[in-house]
Every structure is written in structure tokens, then in C-alpha cells.
Amino acid sequence: MNIIICGAGRVGFTIAKQLSEQGHSITVIDPSSEDIQKIDDALDVKAIVGKGTFPSILEKANAAETDMIIAVTRNDEINMLICQIAFSIFNIPKKIARIRSQDYLNPKFSRVYNKENLPIDVIISPEIEIAKSIQRKLEAPGALDSVPFADNKIRLLEILINENCKLINIKLNDLTKKYPNLDANIIGVIRDEKFLIPKKNDDIKKGDKIYVIINSSQMSETLEAFGHEEKVSKKILIVGGGNIGFNLAKNLEESLDDVRVKIIEKNKSRAEFLASELNNTIVINGDALDEEVLAEANLEEAETVLALTNDDEDNLMVSVLVEKFAKDEKDIDDKRTMALINKPNYSLLQNSLKIDDLIDPRMNTVSSILKHVHKGTIETAYTIMNGEYEVIEAEIIETSELINKELKNSNLPDEIRIGAVLREEKVIIPRSNFVFQKEDKVVFLAKKDSISVVENIFRISSI
């Protein structure tokens, strides 16, 4: 597929890297000659210095022969205009824009995004997506992440194996015997910073980060089986009332009745806005690095603390202060801390600062965009290891070569692992004699090199 990416920042660079490695023909446009040079040096893509809003630059990028344009510049209005020109002059079939301003995202104005007005096919809002991602993590305490698939009937859980797990050193094929009623399938393991697709005779080790596909209705039983019995937090403190903090608080008010949420926001006018827009959330105007403000917010009572400001260093410092306010070591262990981090090098500090989860907005945005790039009946994608692997949901249509084949005879590459299948509202963990049928929704792991094979298997009909 021919794809133009406008914007050579961290998100644009990462998307270009993933898509070029999947075999797509990529052109990146950015006015910064420095950013374009970085991409030119590092990636096998065409890189052009210029403005994506200039028709002459899009023409130079061969827009007339392009299947998709992805606008991820730092400016919402520029991203919108790029999509408009891409459609009006070059008739590019699919247009994706990153839009951050909340006013543009208000549902009552959504009719503006159509062919007659602003022809944007997919809008990606990083802040809204991150807020949803954090909420999923809060709903699955004990899991590092929880991602819904197949109409939320199937979930992917990312779980850290600690000393409480009774399954350490037990082979995977013995797990089924130990938990015969559990619909769960371990599709991947990160061990010593390497990703492994486990085999039946492999075992689980302490310190592993496992990716397990489960029946959504068995989430608490699955987490308990892997040594996690944490409870859903009832007292949540959000530091930073920007778009992420605001959307998260609003989502929690709508979905969890018995949760008490507090927000600390430094900017007075923003704090007043939050107080007027939120119904049950307590808003405190002050600096979260001021210990008196944290005392006023009852930091020591908070069960989960989310540092979501625009400043990485402030977010890390809040996590340090959480430890300082804790009564003892058990209190530290019982609290859950999450910090929003834009600079990837800070991930090295996670363990020493006892932060449970670092939230990377770049990879969140990349995941959101990638799922709209795949062709055919592929619905959802979740990236692992900076996009080296993806967990994908796809529907089997009548032209698929998998129909009526047993799993053991399906000739799937080794880099693809089938996790679960939804068939007529029933979740199935497929064994070797499982036979695929039309309209099965399949959730599986695939290495990026195998994506083109995946798209072919699920018989592509359109972009």
C-alpha cells in the first residue's frame, strides 16, 4: 500500500518505521529538514522537506497514486487541512488525522467530518485514547493492561508474574489440567527484555511479563490464578487536569458509581473549568509538588495515584512523593502509581522509583492508527514491544483459506499464535483439532513481518 505520513515527530517516525517494515511504500513529509534527515538516515522510506498543506509537495509525494494519508503534525488545523487537500485535489481514499483540541471532538459537531465538509475518515485523539486505556487498567487491578476485543467478549491481559503466583515453573500444557474451566491462552512472554512465543513445554518464571487472551467474564478468576488479588481502587487521585485527566475523571464518573476521584490542577482557570464540568470529582487548585497540597488531597489515603501532567519530571516526582507519604513498605506495595512519560529514556527509572506503570502516549497513538491501516476484516490491533508484535482481531469471511480447516492443518506461520475465537457469542480457546468457520472472530498474535500474510489469510476486499 502507498501511504503518506505528514509529521516526522516521534509518532510519525514510529508509524513510518512499523509500516515500512511491514512492506508498505512510505513517504514522510515535514517542514523540519532536521527531522526529515533523521528519518532519511534511519528508515527505508522516501522523505520530503516541505509542508503537507502544499499541493505541490503532496504531488511530489505522488499523492495521486496514494491509498492513505496520515496527518500527525503538531497542529490540529494543519492536520485537517492536509486531509481536505488530499481529498479535494488528489482523491486519496483514506484520510487519518490526529486531533487534540476537545472542541473539535465534541460529538454534537461530528457532522462536520464528512465528504461535503471536512473529509476525514478516522480521527485519532491521543488524550481520549489514553484516558480509555487508563480506565481499562483501573478496571483490571493486577494487570498492567487490559484490552477488549470481539465486542468485549475477549480480553488481552498483560500480567507481571511475581512471587505470589503459584504457577511459577509449571509447564503451560499443565495449566489447562490445573484450571480446566478457565478460558485463557498465554500467547506471548517478555523475559529478560526478549519476546517469546511460548510452546506447550515452556514454563512460567518469576519476573515474566505475560500476554494472555481470556474470556472477559473470567477476568478476576484469571488474575487470581496468576497471583493477583488486588481490588478495584475506590480512592483515586489524579495529578494534572489536562485533557487526559479530565476525560479520565469524566469516564470514571459515568462508569464507576462508588469510586471517589480527586484532581489536583495547578492552573486556576483550568481548575475552575474542571469543577464546573465534573459532577462528583473534587478539584483542588494547587501544585502537586507542594506537600501541603498533597496533604489536603489526602495522598496517604489514595489507593491509586495517576501523575498525568505535561511535565515528565513532575510526574516522576509525584511518584517519589507517594512513597514518602506512605506509612510503611506494605502501604507502598498496596498503592498503585502510574505516570505519563513522553521521554522514552525515563522508563529506566520505573523500578527504582517503584512506579507500577509508565504510560507512553506515543505508542498509544501508534496502536490507534495501526488498526486503521490494516486491510480486510481486521478490526482491532494492539502493539507490543514497540510494534514488533501485534494482537489483532479479524473476522473470517467466506473467501478465507481458513474456512473448514483444522488449526493444526492451517499452515499458519510460526510467528502467528491464535489466542481465542468468538463464535455466536461463545468464547473458544482453540485446540489443534479446532475447525474454523465463516464469521468466526479470531483474536491472535502476529509478528510484524507476518502482517501481509495475515491480511492475505483474511482475504482483503478494501482498505
Protein backbone atom coordinates (compact mmCIF):
# COMPACT_ATOMS: atom_id res chain seq x y z
CA MET A 1 0.00 0.00 0.00
CA ASN A 2 1.23 3.56 -0.77
CA ILE A 3 0.98 5.73 2.37
CA ILE A 4 1.91 9.37 3.00
CA ILE A 5 2.69 10.41 6.59
CA CYS A 6 2.66 14.14 7.34
CA GLY A 7 4.64 14.87 10.50
CA ALA A 8 8.08 13.47 11.34
CA GLY A 9 7.89 13.72 15.14
CA ARG A 10 8.06 10.68 17.45
CA VAL A 11 4.64 9.38 16.37
CA GLY A 12 5.28 9.94 12.65
CA PHE A 13 8.70 8.30 12.90
CA THR A 14 7.33 5.24 14.74
CA ILE A 15 4.42 4.77 12.31
CA ALA A 16 6.76 5.11 9.33
CA LYS A 17 9.10 2.51 10.86
CA GLN A 18 6.31 0.00 11.57
CA LEU A 19 4.62 0.35 8.20
CA SER A 20 7.80 0.29 6.12
CA GLU A 21 8.88 -2.88 7.93
CA GLN A 22 5.50 -4.41 7.06
CA GLY A 23 6.29 -3.85 3.36
CA HIS A 24 4.26 -0.70 2.67
CA SER A 25 5.63 2.07 0.45
CA ILE A 26 6.00 5.07 2.77
CA THR A 27 6.60 8.78 2.11
CA VAL A 28 7.12 11.15 5.06
CA ILE A 29 6.62 14.93 4.76
CA ASP A 30 7.74 17.52 7.33
CA PRO A 31 8.93 21.15 7.15
CA SER A 32 11.82 20.36 9.51
CA SER A 33 14.89 19.37 7.50
CA GLU A 34 16.46 18.04 10.73
CA ASP A 35 13.56 15.64 11.44
CA ILE A 36 13.43 14.54 7.81
CA GLN A 37 17.17 13.88 7.85
CA LYS A 38 16.75 11.62 10.91
CA ILE A 39 14.08 9.61 9.10
CA ASP A 40 16.11 9.50 5.89
CA ASP A 41 19.14 8.17 7.79
CA ALA A 42 17.23 5.58 9.84
CA LEU A 43 14.42 4.25 7.65
CA ASP A 44 13.88 2.83 4.18
CA VAL A 45 11.27 5.43 3.21
CA LYS A 46 11.00 8.44 0.92
CA ALA A 47 11.46 11.65 2.95
CA ILE A 48 10.45 15.12 1.71
CA VAL A 49 11.11 18.51 3.34
CA GLY A 50 8.02 20.68 2.93
CA LYS A 51 4.52 21.48 4.14
CA GLY A 52 1.89 18.79 3.77
CA THR A 53 -0.67 21.52 3.11
CA PHE A 54 1.07 22.50 -0.15
CA PRO A 55 -0.49 20.67 -3.14
CA SER A 56 2.89 20.79 -4.92
CA ILE A 57 4.52 18.90 -2.03
CA LEU A 58 1.75 16.28 -1.99
CA GLU A 59 2.13 15.96 -5.76
CA LYS A 60 5.87 15.42 -5.27
CA ALA A 61 4.95 12.65 -2.78
CA ASN A 62 2.89 11.00 -5.55
CA ALA A 63 -0.43 11.71 -3.82
CA ALA A 64 -2.38 10.78 -6.96
CA GLU A 65 -1.25 7.15 -6.52
CA THR A 66 -1.60 7.09 -2.71
CA ASP A 67 -4.00 4.80 -0.84
CA MET A 68 -3.87 6.55 2.53
CA ILE A 69 -2.64 9.75 4.16
CA ILE A 70 -1.90 10.03 7.89
CA ALA A 71 -1.67 13.58 9.28
CA VAL A 72 0.13 13.64 12.63
CA THR A 73 1.70 17.11 12.69
CA ARG A 74 1.61 19.02 15.98
CA ASN A 75 -1.21 21.28 14.74
CA ASP A 76 -4.87 20.17 14.56
CA GLU A 77 -5.83 22.69 11.90
CA ILE A 78 -2.92 21.69 9.66
CA ASN A 79 -3.91 18.01 10.00
CA MET A 80 -7.47 18.90 8.98
CA LEU A 81 -6.33 20.95 6.01
CA ILE A 82 -3.99 18.18 4.83
CA CYS A 83 -6.95 15.77 4.72
CA GLN A 84 -9.09 18.32 2.87
CA ILE A 85 -6.46 18.89 0.15
CA ALA A 86 -5.68 15.16 -0.04
CA PHE A 87 -9.36 14.51 -0.83
CA SER A 88 -10.27 17.56 -2.95
CA ILE A 89 -7.25 17.56 -5.26
CA PHE A 90 -5.87 14.02 -5.15
CA ASN A 91 -8.91 11.96 -4.08
CA ILE A 92 -6.86 9.89 -1.61
CA PRO A 93 -9.26 7.12 -0.43
CA LYS A 94 -8.45 7.03 3.30
CA LYS A 95 -7.53 10.02 5.46
CA ILE A 96 -6.47 9.78 9.13
CA ALA A 97 -5.89 12.87 11.30
CA ARG A 98 -4.62 13.28 14.83
CA ILE A 99 -6.79 15.91 16.57
CA ARG A 100 -6.24 17.02 20.14
CA SER A 101 -8.45 20.08 20.76
CA GLN A 102 -11.52 18.98 22.70
CA ASP A 103 -13.80 21.45 20.92
CA TYR A 104 -13.18 19.71 17.59
CA LEU A 105 -14.02 16.37 19.24
CA ASN A 106 -17.39 17.40 20.68
CA PRO A 107 -19.93 14.80 19.43
CA LYS A 108 -22.51 17.48 18.62
CA PHE A 109 -20.16 18.86 15.96
CA SER A 110 -19.31 15.47 14.43
CA ARG A 111 -21.37 16.14 11.29
CA VAL A 112 -18.59 18.44 10.10
CA TYR A 113 -16.44 15.37 9.35
CA ASN A 114 -17.87 14.11 6.08
CA LYS A 115 -17.12 14.33 2.36
CA GLU A 116 -19.14 17.51 1.91
CA ASN A 117 -17.41 19.38 4.76
CA LEU A 118 -14.16 18.02 6.24
CA PRO A 119 -13.37 14.67 4.61
CA ILE A 120 -11.57 12.92 7.49
CA ASP A 121 -12.26 9.18 7.67
CA VAL A 122 -10.60 8.48 11.03
CA ILE A 123 -9.91 10.91 13.88
CA ILE A 124 -7.31 9.87 16.44
CA SER A 125 -7.42 11.74 19.75
CA PRO A 126 -4.41 10.69 21.86
CA GLU A 127 -5.80 12.15 25.06
CA ILE A 128 -9.15 10.38 24.77
CA GLU A 129 -7.46 7.09 23.81
CA ILE A 130 -5.03 7.32 26.75
CA ALA A 131 -7.89 8.09 29.17
CA LYS A 132 -9.72 4.97 27.93
CA SER A 133 -6.53 2.91 28.26
CA ILE A 134 -6.00 4.04 31.87
CA GLN A 135 -9.64 3.30 32.72
CA ARG A 136 -9.23 -0.25 31.38
CA LYS A 137 -6.20 -0.70 33.64
CA LEU A 138 -8.15 0.58 36.66
CA GLU A 139 -10.93 -1.91 35.91
CA ALA A 140 -8.42 -4.79 35.87
CA PRO A 141 -6.32 -4.32 39.03
CA GLY A 142 -3.30 -6.57 38.97
CA ALA A 143 -2.98 -6.33 35.19
CA LEU A 144 -0.54 -3.92 33.55
CA ASP A 145 -3.01 -3.56 30.70
CA SER A 146 -6.42 -4.85 29.70
CA VAL A 147 -7.56 -4.56 26.08
CA PRO A 148 -11.04 -5.52 24.84
CA PHE A 149 -11.61 -7.50 21.63
CA ALA A 150 -14.62 -9.10 19.91
CA ASP A 151 -17.34 -6.83 21.33
CA ASN A 152 -15.63 -7.00 24.74
CA LYS A 153 -16.26 -10.76 24.97
CA ILE A 154 -12.50 -11.42 24.75
CA ARG A 155 -9.70 -9.55 26.53
CA LEU A 156 -5.96 -9.36 26.32
CA LEU A 157 -4.34 -9.07 29.76
CA GLU A 158 -0.74 -8.03 30.32
CA ILE A 159 0.32 -9.52 33.67
CA LEU A 160 3.56 -9.36 35.65
CA ILE A 161 4.41 -12.68 37.33
CA ASN A 162 5.55 -12.04 40.91
CA GLU A 163 6.28 -14.23 43.94
CA ASN A 164 2.54 -14.63 44.69
CA CYS A 165 1.96 -16.65 41.51
CA LYS A 166 1.50 -20.35 42.28
CA LEU A 167 2.06 -21.29 38.64
CA ILE A 168 5.78 -20.48 38.55
CA ASN A 169 7.80 -23.33 36.97
CA ILE A 170 4.63 -25.11 35.83
CA LYS A 171 4.57 -26.08 32.14
CA LEU A 172 1.91 -24.42 30.00
CA ASN A 173 0.24 -27.67 28.97
CA ASP A 174 -0.30 -28.44 32.68
CA LEU A 175 -2.14 -25.16 33.23
CA THR A 176 -5.17 -26.49 31.37
CA LYS A 177 -5.32 -29.51 33.68
CA LYS A 178 -4.95 -27.29 36.75
CA TYR A 179 -7.66 -24.84 35.61
CA PRO A 180 -9.94 -26.83 33.24
CA ASN A 181 -12.76 -24.26 33.39
CA LEU A 182 -10.59 -21.22 32.66
CA ASP A 183 -10.76 -19.89 29.09
CA ALA A 184 -7.23 -18.49 28.95
CA ASN A 185 -4.36 -18.76 26.48
CA ILE A 186 -0.83 -17.37 27.01
CA ILE A 187 0.24 -16.07 23.59
CA GLY A 188 3.46 -14.25 24.50
CA VAL A 189 6.04 -13.70 27.23
CA ILE A 190 8.59 -10.94 27.76
CA ARG A 191 11.56 -12.44 29.61
CA ASP A 192 14.90 -10.66 30.07
CA GLU A 193 13.65 -7.96 27.66
CA LYS A 194 13.09 -10.52 24.88
CA PHE A 195 9.71 -11.55 23.48
CA LEU A 196 8.96 -15.28 23.32
CA ILE A 197 6.03 -17.13 21.78
CA PRO A 198 5.72 -19.95 24.35
CA LYS A 199 5.43 -23.64 23.49
CA LYS A 200 3.48 -26.29 25.42
CA ASN A 201 6.51 -27.48 27.38
CA ASP A 202 7.67 -23.98 28.36
CA ASP A 203 7.04 -22.79 31.90
CA ILE A 204 6.33 -19.50 33.65
CA LYS A 205 9.08 -17.80 35.61
CA LYS A 206 9.08 -15.04 38.22
CA GLY A 207 9.60 -11.66 36.58
CA ASP A 208 7.93 -12.73 33.31
CA LYS A 209 5.51 -10.31 31.72
CA ILE A 210 2.87 -12.49 30.09
CA TYR A 211 0.23 -11.68 27.49
CA VAL A 212 -2.84 -13.85 27.98
CA ILE A 213 -6.06 -13.95 25.93
CA ILE A 214 -9.08 -14.62 28.15
CA ASN A 215 -12.84 -14.85 28.30
CA SER A 216 -13.78 -11.34 29.57
CA SER A 217 -16.27 -12.80 32.04
CA GLN A 218 -13.39 -14.61 33.81
CA MET A 219 -11.10 -11.64 34.39
CA SER A 220 -10.92 -11.80 38.20
CA GLU A 221 -10.50 -15.62 38.19
CA THR A 222 -7.67 -15.35 35.65
CA LEU A 223 -5.85 -12.63 37.58
CA GLU A 224 -6.21 -14.65 40.79
CA ALA A 225 -4.78 -17.76 39.08
CA PHE A 226 -1.69 -15.74 38.18
CA GLY A 227 -1.23 -14.45 41.73
CA HIS A 228 -3.04 -11.11 41.56
CA GLU A 229 -5.86 -10.47 44.01
CA GLU A 230 -5.74 -6.67 44.03
CA LYS A 231 -9.08 -4.91 44.45
CA VAL A 232 -10.52 -2.18 42.24
CA SER A 233 -9.40 1.17 43.69
CA LYS A 234 -12.13 3.18 45.36
CA LYS A 235 -10.00 6.28 46.07
CA ILE A 236 -8.21 7.73 43.05
CA LEU A 237 -6.02 10.84 42.93
CA ILE A 238 -5.29 12.39 39.53
CA VAL A 239 -2.45 14.90 39.32
CA GLY A 240 -2.92 17.10 36.26
CA GLY A 241 -6.31 18.21 34.96
CA GLY A 242 -5.41 18.43 31.28
CA ASN A 243 -7.39 16.64 28.60
CA ILE A 244 -6.26 13.19 29.77
CA GLY A 245 -7.07 13.81 33.44
CA PHE A 246 -10.38 15.47 32.58
CA ASN A 247 -11.53 12.69 30.21
CA LEU A 248 -10.48 10.01 32.69
CA ALA A 249 -12.38 11.65 35.56
CA LYS A 250 -15.46 12.06 33.35
CA ASN A 251 -15.29 8.38 32.25
CA LEU A 252 -14.92 7.21 35.87
CA GLU A 253 -17.91 9.29 36.97
CA GLU A 254 -20.03 7.67 34.25
CA SER A 255 -18.91 4.07 34.74
CA LEU A 256 -17.98 3.54 38.42
CA ASP A 257 -20.51 4.81 40.95
CA ASP A 258 -18.65 4.06 44.17
CA VAL A 259 -15.25 5.48 43.19
CA ARG A 260 -14.10 8.76 44.75
CA VAL A 261 -11.93 10.85 42.41
CA LYS A 262 -9.84 13.91 43.24
CA ILE A 263 -7.87 16.07 40.79
CA ILE A 264 -5.00 18.42 41.63
CA GLU A 265 -4.62 21.11 38.95
CA LYS A 266 -2.04 23.90 39.12
CA ASN A 267 -3.76 26.36 36.74
CA LYS A 268 -6.59 28.27 38.47
CA SER A 269 -8.80 28.84 35.41
CA ARG A 270 -8.39 25.22 34.34
CA ALA A 271 -9.29 24.06 37.86
CA GLU A 272 -12.45 26.20 37.71
CA PHE A 273 -13.33 24.64 34.34
CA LEU A 274 -12.89 21.13 35.75
CA ALA A 275 -15.04 21.94 38.77
CA SER A 276 -17.84 23.24 36.53
CA GLU A 277 -17.74 20.28 34.08
CA LEU A 278 -17.36 17.38 36.54
CA ASN A 279 -20.16 16.32 38.87
CA ASN A 280 -18.70 14.15 41.62
CA THR A 281 -14.97 14.84 41.34
CA ILE A 282 -13.24 17.00 43.95
CA VAL A 283 -10.95 19.55 42.27
CA ILE A 284 -8.04 21.08 44.21
CA ASN A 285 -6.21 24.09 42.76
CA GLY A 286 -2.53 23.85 43.68
CA ASP A 287 0.91 22.47 42.91
CA ALA A 288 1.10 18.70 43.42
CA LEU A 289 4.79 19.01 44.34
CA ASP A 290 3.76 21.10 47.37
CA GLU A 291 3.45 18.66 50.27
CA GLU A 292 0.72 20.79 51.90
CA VAL A 293 -1.42 20.44 48.76
CA LEU A 294 -0.85 16.68 48.77
CA ALA A 295 -1.82 16.56 52.43
CA GLU A 296 -5.02 18.49 51.62
CA ALA A 297 -5.75 15.90 48.91
CA ASN A 298 -5.20 13.08 51.46
CA LEU A 299 -2.47 11.47 49.37
CA GLU A 300 -1.83 8.87 52.05
CA GLU A 301 -5.42 7.59 51.66
CA ALA A 302 -5.32 7.37 47.86
CA GLU A 303 -5.24 3.80 46.58
CA THR A 304 -4.22 4.77 43.04
CA VAL A 305 -2.24 7.89 42.10
CA LEU A 306 -2.09 8.96 38.46
CA ALA A 307 0.52 11.59 37.50
CA LEU A 308 -0.79 12.98 34.20
CA THR A 309 0.73 16.45 33.86
CA ASN A 310 2.52 17.63 30.71
CA ASP A 311 5.85 17.57 32.56
CA ASP A 312 7.66 14.21 32.76
CA GLU A 313 9.85 15.32 35.67
CA ASP A 314 6.83 16.47 37.69
CA ASN A 315 5.14 13.12 37.06
CA LEU A 316 8.19 11.23 38.30
CA MET A 317 8.47 13.49 41.37
CA VAL A 318 4.82 12.88 42.27
CA SER A 319 5.58 9.16 42.26
CA VAL A 320 8.51 9.78 44.64
CA LEU A 321 6.26 11.77 46.99
CA VAL A 322 3.72 8.92 47.01
CA GLU A 323 6.44 6.74 48.52
CA LYS A 324 7.36 9.46 51.03
CA PHE A 325 3.76 9.80 52.24
CA ALA A 326 3.32 6.04 52.67
CA LYS A 327 3.10 4.75 56.24
CA ASP A 328 5.26 1.67 55.65
CA GLU A 329 6.50 -0.78 52.99
CA LYS A 330 3.15 -2.58 52.85
CA ASP A 331 1.36 0.72 52.27
CA ILE A 332 3.71 1.42 49.32
CA ASP A 333 3.03 -2.03 47.88
CA ASP A 334 -0.74 -1.58 48.26
CA LYS A 335 -0.76 1.73 46.38
CA ARG A 336 -0.78 1.79 42.60
CA THR A 337 1.10 4.55 40.79
CA MET A 338 1.00 5.44 37.11
CA ALA A 339 2.98 8.20 35.40
CA LEU A 340 2.64 9.73 31.94
CA ILE A 341 6.09 9.82 30.31
CA ASN A 342 6.94 11.28 26.90
CA LYS A 343 10.70 10.72 27.03
CA PRO A 344 11.43 7.01 26.49
CA ASN A 345 14.71 7.06 28.48
CA TYR A 346 12.78 7.68 31.70
CA SER A 347 11.44 4.13 31.52
CA LEU A 348 14.78 3.06 33.02
CA LEU A 349 13.70 4.71 36.30
CA GLN A 350 10.47 2.73 36.66
CA ASN A 351 11.72 0.06 39.05
CA SER A 352 13.94 2.30 41.20
CA LEU A 353 11.06 4.77 41.72
CA LYS A 354 8.55 1.97 42.34
CA ILE A 355 6.17 3.16 39.62
CA ASP A 356 3.70 0.43 38.69
CA ASP A 357 3.07 1.66 35.17
CA LEU A 358 4.55 4.18 32.76
CA ILE A 359 2.11 5.45 30.15
CA ASP A 360 3.66 6.15 26.75
CA PRO A 361 1.33 8.39 24.70
CA ARG A 362 3.34 7.77 21.54
CA MET A 363 2.73 4.00 21.45
CA ASN A 364 -0.91 4.54 22.41
CA THR A 365 -1.38 6.79 19.37
CA VAL A 366 0.58 4.42 17.12
CA SER A 367 -1.64 1.47 18.18
CA SER A 368 -4.75 3.53 17.44
CA ILE A 369 -3.51 4.43 13.96
CA LEU A 370 -2.15 0.99 13.01
CA LYS A 371 -5.50 -0.72 13.46
CA HIS A 372 -6.93 1.54 10.73
CA VAL A 373 -4.09 0.78 8.32
CA HIS A 374 -4.63 -2.98 8.09
CA LYS A 375 -6.78 -4.13 5.22
CA GLY A 376 -9.72 -6.50 5.02
CA THR A 377 -11.72 -7.68 8.02
CA ILE A 378 -9.05 -6.76 10.58
CA GLU A 379 -10.84 -4.78 13.29
CA THR A 380 -8.56 -4.11 16.23
CA ALA A 381 -4.81 -4.03 16.76
CA TYR A 382 -2.67 -3.68 19.89
CA THR A 383 1.08 -3.27 19.61
CA ILE A 384 3.69 -4.99 21.80
CA MET A 385 7.44 -4.33 22.06
CA ASN A 386 7.29 -1.03 20.14
CA GLY A 387 5.31 -2.62 17.33
CA GLU A 388 7.42 -5.76 16.86
CA TYR A 389 4.26 -7.78 17.52
CA GLU A 390 0.55 -7.01 17.24
CA VAL A 391 -2.52 -8.60 18.76
CA ILE A 392 -5.20 -8.49 16.08
CA GLU A 393 -8.90 -9.23 15.76
CA ALA A 394 -10.19 -10.34 12.38
CA GLU A 395 -13.35 -11.92 11.04
CA ILE A 396 -13.28 -14.96 8.77
CA ILE A 397 -15.23 -14.27 5.59
CA GLU A 398 -16.34 -16.83 3.02
CA THR A 399 -13.27 -16.37 0.78
CA SER A 400 -10.78 -17.04 3.59
CA GLU A 401 -8.50 -20.03 3.09
CA LEU A 402 -9.02 -20.95 6.78
CA ILE A 403 -12.66 -21.96 6.40
CA ASN A 404 -13.29 -25.64 7.29
CA LYS A 405 -9.61 -26.18 8.12
CA GLU A 406 -8.38 -27.61 11.41
CA LEU A 407 -5.96 -25.36 13.27
CA LYS A 408 -3.18 -27.97 13.00
CA ASN A 409 -3.58 -28.04 9.20
CA SER A 410 -3.93 -24.29 8.68
CA ASN A 411 -0.27 -23.75 7.67
CA LEU A 412 -0.06 -20.58 9.73
CA PRO A 413 3.48 -19.18 10.14
CA ASP A 414 5.26 -19.83 13.45
CA GLU A 415 5.09 -16.09 14.17
CA ILE A 416 1.27 -16.25 14.39
CA ARG A 417 -0.45 -17.61 17.51
CA ILE A 418 -4.23 -17.98 17.63
CA GLY A 419 -5.46 -16.82 21.06
CA ALA A 420 -9.25 -17.18 21.08
CA VAL A 421 -12.28 -17.31 18.80
CA LEU A 422 -15.72 -15.78 19.29
CA ARG A 423 -18.41 -17.88 17.61
CA GLU A 424 -22.08 -16.96 18.10
CA GLU A 425 -21.36 -15.18 21.41
CA LYS A 426 -19.31 -18.13 22.70
CA VAL A 427 -15.60 -17.75 23.52
CA ILE A 428 -13.48 -20.72 22.40
CA ILE A 429 -9.80 -21.34 23.20
CA PRO A 430 -8.92 -23.37 20.09
CA ARG A 431 -7.02 -26.66 20.33
CA SER A 432 -5.20 -28.34 17.43
CA ASN A 433 -8.40 -30.00 16.12
CA PHE A 434 -10.41 -26.75 16.14
CA VAL A 435 -12.13 -26.11 12.77
CA PHE A 436 -12.54 -22.51 11.53
CA GLN A 437 -15.95 -21.38 10.30
CA LYS A 438 -17.30 -18.39 8.42
CA GLU A 439 -17.98 -15.33 10.66
CA ASP A 440 -15.64 -16.55 13.41
CA LYS A 441 -14.00 -13.58 15.11
CA VAL A 442 -10.39 -14.58 15.71
CA VAL A 443 -8.00 -12.86 18.13
CA PHE A 444 -4.35 -13.70 17.52
CA LEU A 445 -0.75 -12.59 17.91
CA ALA A 446 1.33 -11.80 14.81
CA LYS A 447 4.91 -10.65 14.29
CA LYS A 448 5.13 -7.52 12.14
CA ASP A 449 6.88 -9.48 9.37
CA SER A 450 3.77 -11.69 9.08
CA ILE A 451 1.18 -8.91 8.73
CA SER A 452 0.98 -9.22 4.94
CA VAL A 453 0.37 -12.98 5.36
CA VAL A 454 -2.36 -12.21 7.90
CA GLU A 455 -4.06 -9.76 5.55
CA ASN A 456 -3.98 -12.36 2.79
CA ILE A 457 -5.41 -15.10 5.02
CA PHE A 458 -8.36 -12.90 5.93
CA ARG A 459 -8.94 -12.07 2.28
CA ILE A 460 -8.70 -8.39 1.74
CA SER A 461 -11.51 -6.63 -0.02
CA SER A 462 -10.92 -2.94 0.71
CA ILE A 463 -8.65 -0.50 2.51
